[in-house]
Amino acid sequence: MKVNTSQMGEYAVVEIDGEVDAEHVAFLKKALQPLKEGSLKGIALNMTRVPFIDSTGLGILISLMRQIKEQGKKLRLVGLSDEVRSIFEITRLHKVFDLSESVEKAIQEMR
């Protein structure tokens, strides 16, 4: 798994490349920690290169969402593949998370 972080104004863009599963969740959690503590207004989590997510990965995203919202910040998931989107739909998490088709649209929607 690779995680690249950039910034667009007051928003972080996090690109995840690889599976978000039990094997990689500790790495992802560590990569996201500084963003939760910063002064950014929101995070766009670009998941276009995530081919699979398991229950452990979903748990990390739920935890991240809760922490971000408690701080008054916003979180949007971007570019879910068909397989990942179906997992979100089966678990009904597509109704819990804010989803966007592109990073640009996510930033626009968070403003």
N, C-alpha and C. Protein backbone atom coordinates (compact mmCIF):
# COMPACT_ATOMS: atom_id res chain seq x y z
N MET A 1 0.84 -1.18 0.00
CA MET A 1 0.00 0.00 0.00
C MET A 1 0.88 1.24 0.00
N LYS A 2 0.43 2.23 -0.76
CA LYS A 2 1.08 3.53 -0.77
C LYS A 2 0.05 4.58 -0.41
N VAL A 3 0.49 5.59 0.33
CA VAL A 3 -0.37 6.70 0.70
C VAL A 3 0.37 7.99 0.40
N ASN A 4 -0.20 8.81 -0.48
CA ASN A 4 0.38 10.10 -0.82
C ASN A 4 -0.57 11.20 -0.37
N THR A 5 -0.01 12.20 0.28
CA THR A 5 -0.82 13.30 0.79
C THR A 5 -0.38 14.61 0.14
N SER A 6 -1.37 15.38 -0.28
CA SER A 6 -1.11 16.72 -0.80
C SER A 6 -2.16 17.65 -0.21
N GLN A 7 -2.06 18.92 -0.56
CA GLN A 7 -2.99 19.87 0.00
C GLN A 7 -3.54 20.76 -1.10
N MET A 8 -4.84 21.02 -1.03
CA MET A 8 -5.51 21.95 -1.93
C MET A 8 -6.16 23.01 -1.04
N GLY A 9 -5.47 24.10 -0.84
CA GLY A 9 -5.98 25.13 0.07
C GLY A 9 -6.04 24.62 1.48
N GLU A 10 -7.23 24.67 2.04
CA GLU A 10 -7.43 24.25 3.43
C GLU A 10 -7.85 22.79 3.56
N TYR A 11 -7.69 22.04 2.47
CA TYR A 11 -8.13 20.64 2.44
C TYR A 11 -6.98 19.71 2.07
N ALA A 12 -6.95 18.56 2.72
CA ALA A 12 -5.94 17.54 2.40
C ALA A 12 -6.53 16.58 1.37
N VAL A 13 -5.67 16.14 0.47
CA VAL A 13 -6.04 15.11 -0.49
C VAL A 13 -5.13 13.91 -0.21
N VAL A 14 -5.74 12.79 0.15
CA VAL A 14 -5.00 11.58 0.48
C VAL A 14 -5.30 10.55 -0.60
N GLU A 15 -4.26 10.14 -1.33
CA GLU A 15 -4.42 9.11 -2.36
C GLU A 15 -3.94 7.78 -1.81
N ILE A 16 -4.82 6.82 -1.82
CA ILE A 16 -4.49 5.48 -1.34
C ILE A 16 -4.33 4.58 -2.56
N ASP A 17 -3.23 3.84 -2.59
CA ASP A 17 -2.95 2.92 -3.69
C ASP A 17 -2.72 1.53 -3.10
N GLY A 18 -3.70 0.66 -3.21
CA GLY A 18 -3.58 -0.69 -2.68
C GLY A 18 -4.80 -1.09 -1.87
N GLU A 19 -4.78 -2.30 -1.39
CA GLU A 19 -5.91 -2.83 -0.63
C GLU A 19 -5.96 -2.23 0.77
N VAL A 20 -7.16 -1.92 1.21
CA VAL A 20 -7.38 -1.42 2.57
C VAL A 20 -7.94 -2.60 3.36
N ASP A 21 -7.01 -3.36 3.94
CA ASP A 21 -7.40 -4.58 4.64
C ASP A 21 -6.60 -4.72 5.93
N ALA A 22 -6.84 -5.81 6.64
CA ALA A 22 -6.21 -6.04 7.94
C ALA A 22 -4.68 -5.95 7.87
N GLU A 23 -4.12 -6.38 6.76
CA GLU A 23 -2.66 -6.36 6.61
C GLU A 23 -2.10 -4.94 6.53
N HIS A 24 -2.86 -4.01 5.95
CA HIS A 24 -2.35 -2.67 5.68
C HIS A 24 -2.95 -1.58 6.55
N VAL A 25 -3.90 -1.91 7.39
CA VAL A 25 -4.65 -0.90 8.12
C VAL A 25 -3.77 -0.11 9.11
N ALA A 26 -2.79 -0.72 9.72
CA ALA A 26 -1.92 -0.01 10.66
C ALA A 26 -1.13 1.07 9.93
N PHE A 27 -0.66 0.76 8.72
CA PHE A 27 0.08 1.72 7.92
C PHE A 27 -0.80 2.91 7.56
N LEU A 28 -2.03 2.63 7.14
CA LEU A 28 -2.97 3.69 6.78
C LEU A 28 -3.29 4.56 7.99
N LYS A 29 -3.53 3.95 9.11
CA LYS A 29 -3.86 4.69 10.34
C LYS A 29 -2.73 5.64 10.71
N LYS A 30 -1.50 5.17 10.60
CA LYS A 30 -0.34 5.99 10.91
C LYS A 30 -0.21 7.15 9.92
N ALA A 31 -0.48 6.90 8.65
CA ALA A 31 -0.38 7.94 7.63
C ALA A 31 -1.45 9.02 7.81
N LEU A 32 -2.61 8.66 8.32
CA LEU A 32 -3.71 9.60 8.48
C LEU A 32 -3.64 10.40 9.79
N GLN A 33 -2.90 9.92 10.76
CA GLN A 33 -2.85 10.55 12.09
C GLN A 33 -2.51 12.04 12.04
N PRO A 34 -1.47 12.47 11.34
CA PRO A 34 -1.16 13.92 11.34
C PRO A 34 -2.28 14.78 10.76
N LEU A 35 -3.05 14.24 9.84
CA LEU A 35 -4.14 15.00 9.22
C LEU A 35 -5.28 15.25 10.19
N LYS A 36 -5.50 14.31 11.10
CA LYS A 36 -6.58 14.46 12.08
C LYS A 36 -6.24 15.56 13.08
N GLU A 37 -4.95 15.78 13.29
CA GLU A 37 -4.51 16.73 14.31
C GLU A 37 -4.24 18.11 13.74
N GLY A 38 -4.20 18.25 12.44
CA GLY A 38 -3.87 19.53 11.80
C GLY A 38 -5.03 20.50 11.79
N SER A 39 -4.78 21.66 11.17
CA SER A 39 -5.78 22.72 11.13
C SER A 39 -6.58 22.73 9.83
N LEU A 40 -6.51 21.65 9.07
CA LEU A 40 -7.24 21.57 7.81
C LEU A 40 -8.74 21.51 8.06
N LYS A 41 -9.52 21.95 7.08
CA LYS A 41 -10.98 21.93 7.21
C LYS A 41 -11.60 20.62 6.78
N GLY A 42 -10.85 19.82 6.02
CA GLY A 42 -11.41 18.55 5.57
C GLY A 42 -10.40 17.70 4.84
N ILE A 43 -10.81 16.46 4.58
CA ILE A 43 -9.96 15.48 3.90
C ILE A 43 -10.75 14.84 2.77
N ALA A 44 -10.15 14.83 1.59
CA ALA A 44 -10.69 14.08 0.46
C ALA A 44 -9.84 12.82 0.34
N LEU A 45 -10.44 11.68 0.58
CA LEU A 45 -9.75 10.39 0.56
C LEU A 45 -9.95 9.77 -0.82
N ASN A 46 -8.93 9.89 -1.67
CA ASN A 46 -9.02 9.40 -3.04
C ASN A 46 -8.77 7.89 -3.05
N MET A 47 -9.82 7.14 -3.39
CA MET A 47 -9.74 5.68 -3.35
C MET A 47 -9.85 5.05 -4.74
N THR A 48 -9.51 5.80 -5.78
CA THR A 48 -9.62 5.28 -7.14
C THR A 48 -8.69 4.09 -7.38
N ARG A 49 -7.62 3.98 -6.62
CA ARG A 49 -6.67 2.88 -6.78
C ARG A 49 -6.78 1.84 -5.66
N VAL A 50 -7.95 1.79 -5.04
CA VAL A 50 -8.21 0.78 -4.00
C VAL A 50 -9.08 -0.30 -4.62
N PRO A 51 -8.50 -1.49 -4.88
CA PRO A 51 -9.27 -2.55 -5.52
C PRO A 51 -10.15 -3.34 -4.55
N PHE A 52 -9.85 -3.25 -3.24
CA PHE A 52 -10.56 -4.07 -2.25
C PHE A 52 -10.49 -3.42 -0.89
N ILE A 53 -11.56 -3.57 -0.11
CA ILE A 53 -11.58 -3.12 1.28
C ILE A 53 -12.29 -4.19 2.10
N ASP A 54 -11.74 -4.52 3.26
CA ASP A 54 -12.39 -5.52 4.11
C ASP A 54 -12.99 -4.83 5.34
N SER A 55 -13.52 -5.62 6.25
CA SER A 55 -14.19 -5.06 7.42
C SER A 55 -13.25 -4.24 8.30
N THR A 56 -11.99 -4.63 8.37
CA THR A 56 -11.02 -3.88 9.14
C THR A 56 -10.81 -2.50 8.52
N GLY A 57 -10.72 -2.46 7.21
CA GLY A 57 -10.58 -1.20 6.49
C GLY A 57 -11.80 -0.31 6.67
N LEU A 58 -12.98 -0.91 6.61
CA LEU A 58 -14.21 -0.14 6.84
C LEU A 58 -14.21 0.44 8.25
N GLY A 59 -13.74 -0.35 9.20
CA GLY A 59 -13.68 0.11 10.58
C GLY A 59 -12.78 1.32 10.75
N ILE A 60 -11.64 1.33 10.08
CA ILE A 60 -10.72 2.47 10.15
C ILE A 60 -11.37 3.71 9.55
N LEU A 61 -12.08 3.55 8.44
CA LEU A 61 -12.74 4.69 7.81
C LEU A 61 -13.85 5.25 8.69
N ILE A 62 -14.59 4.37 9.35
CA ILE A 62 -15.64 4.81 10.27
C ILE A 62 -15.03 5.58 11.44
N SER A 63 -13.96 5.05 11.98
CA SER A 63 -13.26 5.71 13.09
C SER A 63 -12.74 7.08 12.65
N LEU A 64 -12.14 7.15 11.47
CA LEU A 64 -11.63 8.41 10.94
C LEU A 64 -12.77 9.42 10.79
N MET A 65 -13.89 8.96 10.23
CA MET A 65 -15.03 9.85 10.03
C MET A 65 -15.53 10.43 11.35
N ARG A 66 -15.63 9.60 12.36
CA ARG A 66 -16.09 10.06 13.67
C ARG A 66 -15.15 11.12 14.24
N GLN A 67 -13.85 10.84 14.18
CA GLN A 67 -12.87 11.77 14.73
C GLN A 67 -12.87 13.09 13.98
N ILE A 68 -12.99 13.01 12.66
CA ILE A 68 -13.00 14.22 11.83
C ILE A 68 -14.24 15.06 12.14
N LYS A 69 -15.39 14.41 12.24
CA LYS A 69 -16.63 15.15 12.51
C LYS A 69 -16.63 15.77 13.90
N GLU A 70 -16.04 15.08 14.89
CA GLU A 70 -15.96 15.62 16.24
C GLU A 70 -15.17 16.93 16.26
N GLN A 71 -14.24 17.07 15.33
CA GLN A 71 -13.42 18.28 15.25
C GLN A 71 -14.04 19.35 14.35
N GLY A 72 -15.23 19.07 13.84
CA GLY A 72 -15.90 20.02 12.97
C GLY A 72 -15.34 20.05 11.55
N LYS A 73 -14.62 19.01 11.19
CA LYS A 73 -14.04 18.92 9.85
C LYS A 73 -14.90 18.01 8.98
N LYS A 74 -14.56 17.97 7.70
CA LYS A 74 -15.33 17.15 6.76
C LYS A 74 -14.45 16.08 6.13
N LEU A 75 -15.11 14.98 5.73
CA LEU A 75 -14.43 13.86 5.07
C LEU A 75 -15.28 13.43 3.88
N ARG A 76 -14.63 13.27 2.74
CA ARG A 76 -15.32 12.75 1.56
C ARG A 76 -14.47 11.64 0.96
N LEU A 77 -15.12 10.56 0.56
CA LEU A 77 -14.46 9.46 -0.12
C LEU A 77 -14.63 9.68 -1.62
N VAL A 78 -13.55 9.49 -2.36
CA VAL A 78 -13.55 9.82 -3.79
C VAL A 78 -13.25 8.60 -4.63
N GLY A 79 -13.99 8.45 -5.73
CA GLY A 79 -13.67 7.50 -6.78
C GLY A 79 -13.70 6.03 -6.40
N LEU A 80 -14.74 5.60 -5.72
CA LEU A 80 -14.82 4.19 -5.36
C LEU A 80 -14.99 3.33 -6.60
N SER A 81 -14.20 2.26 -6.69
CA SER A 81 -14.34 1.31 -7.80
C SER A 81 -15.68 0.58 -7.64
N ASP A 82 -16.11 -0.10 -8.68
CA ASP A 82 -17.38 -0.83 -8.62
C ASP A 82 -17.39 -1.85 -7.49
N GLU A 83 -16.27 -2.57 -7.33
CA GLU A 83 -16.19 -3.60 -6.28
C GLU A 83 -16.27 -2.97 -4.89
N VAL A 84 -15.49 -1.90 -4.67
CA VAL A 84 -15.49 -1.24 -3.37
C VAL A 84 -16.85 -0.59 -3.11
N ARG A 85 -17.42 0.02 -4.13
CA ARG A 85 -18.75 0.64 -3.99
C ARG A 85 -19.79 -0.41 -3.59
N SER A 86 -19.70 -1.61 -4.18
CA SER A 86 -20.68 -2.64 -3.83
C SER A 86 -20.54 -3.07 -2.37
N ILE A 87 -19.32 -3.07 -1.86
CA ILE A 87 -19.11 -3.39 -0.44
C ILE A 87 -19.76 -2.32 0.43
N PHE A 88 -19.60 -1.06 0.03
CA PHE A 88 -20.24 0.03 0.77
C PHE A 88 -21.75 -0.08 0.70
N GLU A 89 -22.28 -0.48 -0.44
CA GLU A 89 -23.74 -0.61 -0.58
C GLU A 89 -24.28 -1.79 0.22
N ILE A 90 -23.58 -2.92 0.21
CA ILE A 90 -24.01 -4.09 0.98
C ILE A 90 -24.07 -3.77 2.47
N THR A 91 -23.08 -3.01 2.94
CA THR A 91 -23.01 -2.65 4.36
C THR A 91 -23.80 -1.37 4.67
N ARG A 92 -24.39 -0.80 3.63
CA ARG A 92 -25.16 0.45 3.72
C ARG A 92 -24.33 1.65 4.15
N LEU A 93 -23.02 1.54 4.05
CA LEU A 93 -22.16 2.65 4.43
C LEU A 93 -22.15 3.76 3.38
N HIS A 94 -22.67 3.47 2.20
CA HIS A 94 -22.78 4.53 1.19
C HIS A 94 -23.77 5.60 1.63
N LYS A 95 -24.60 5.30 2.62
CA LYS A 95 -25.53 6.28 3.17
C LYS A 95 -24.92 7.03 4.35
N VAL A 96 -23.81 6.53 4.86
CA VAL A 96 -23.15 7.13 6.02
C VAL A 96 -22.04 8.09 5.57
N PHE A 97 -21.28 7.68 4.58
CA PHE A 97 -20.16 8.48 4.08
C PHE A 97 -20.61 9.41 2.96
N ASP A 98 -19.95 10.54 2.85
CA ASP A 98 -20.15 11.44 1.72
C ASP A 98 -19.22 10.97 0.61
N LEU A 99 -19.79 10.68 -0.56
CA LEU A 99 -19.03 10.15 -1.69
C LEU A 99 -18.98 11.18 -2.81
N SER A 100 -17.84 11.24 -3.49
CA SER A 100 -17.66 12.14 -4.63
C SER A 100 -17.02 11.39 -5.77
N GLU A 101 -17.25 11.89 -6.98
CA GLU A 101 -16.69 11.26 -8.17
C GLU A 101 -15.26 11.69 -8.46
N SER A 102 -14.89 12.91 -8.05
CA SER A 102 -13.54 13.40 -8.31
C SER A 102 -13.05 14.21 -7.11
N VAL A 103 -11.73 14.37 -7.04
CA VAL A 103 -11.14 15.16 -5.95
C VAL A 103 -11.62 16.60 -6.03
N GLU A 104 -11.65 17.15 -7.24
CA GLU A 104 -12.07 18.54 -7.42
C GLU A 104 -13.51 18.74 -6.92
N LYS A 105 -14.37 17.80 -7.26
CA LYS A 105 -15.77 17.88 -6.83
C LYS A 105 -15.86 17.73 -5.32
N ALA A 106 -15.05 16.85 -4.74
CA ALA A 106 -15.05 16.65 -3.29
C ALA A 106 -14.67 17.94 -2.56
N ILE A 107 -13.63 18.60 -3.05
CA ILE A 107 -13.18 19.86 -2.42
C ILE A 107 -14.29 20.90 -2.55
N GLN A 108 -14.89 20.99 -3.72
CA GLN A 108 -15.97 21.93 -3.95
C GLN A 108 -17.15 21.65 -3.01
N GLU A 109 -17.50 20.39 -2.83
CA GLU A 109 -18.63 20.01 -1.98
C GLU A 109 -18.34 20.24 -0.50
N MET A 110 -17.08 20.21 -0.09
CA MET A 110 -16.74 20.43 1.31
C MET A 110 -16.76 21.92 1.67
N ARG A 111 -16.62 22.78 0.66
CA ARG A 111 -16.57 24.23 0.94
C ARG A 111 -17.85 24.77 1.37
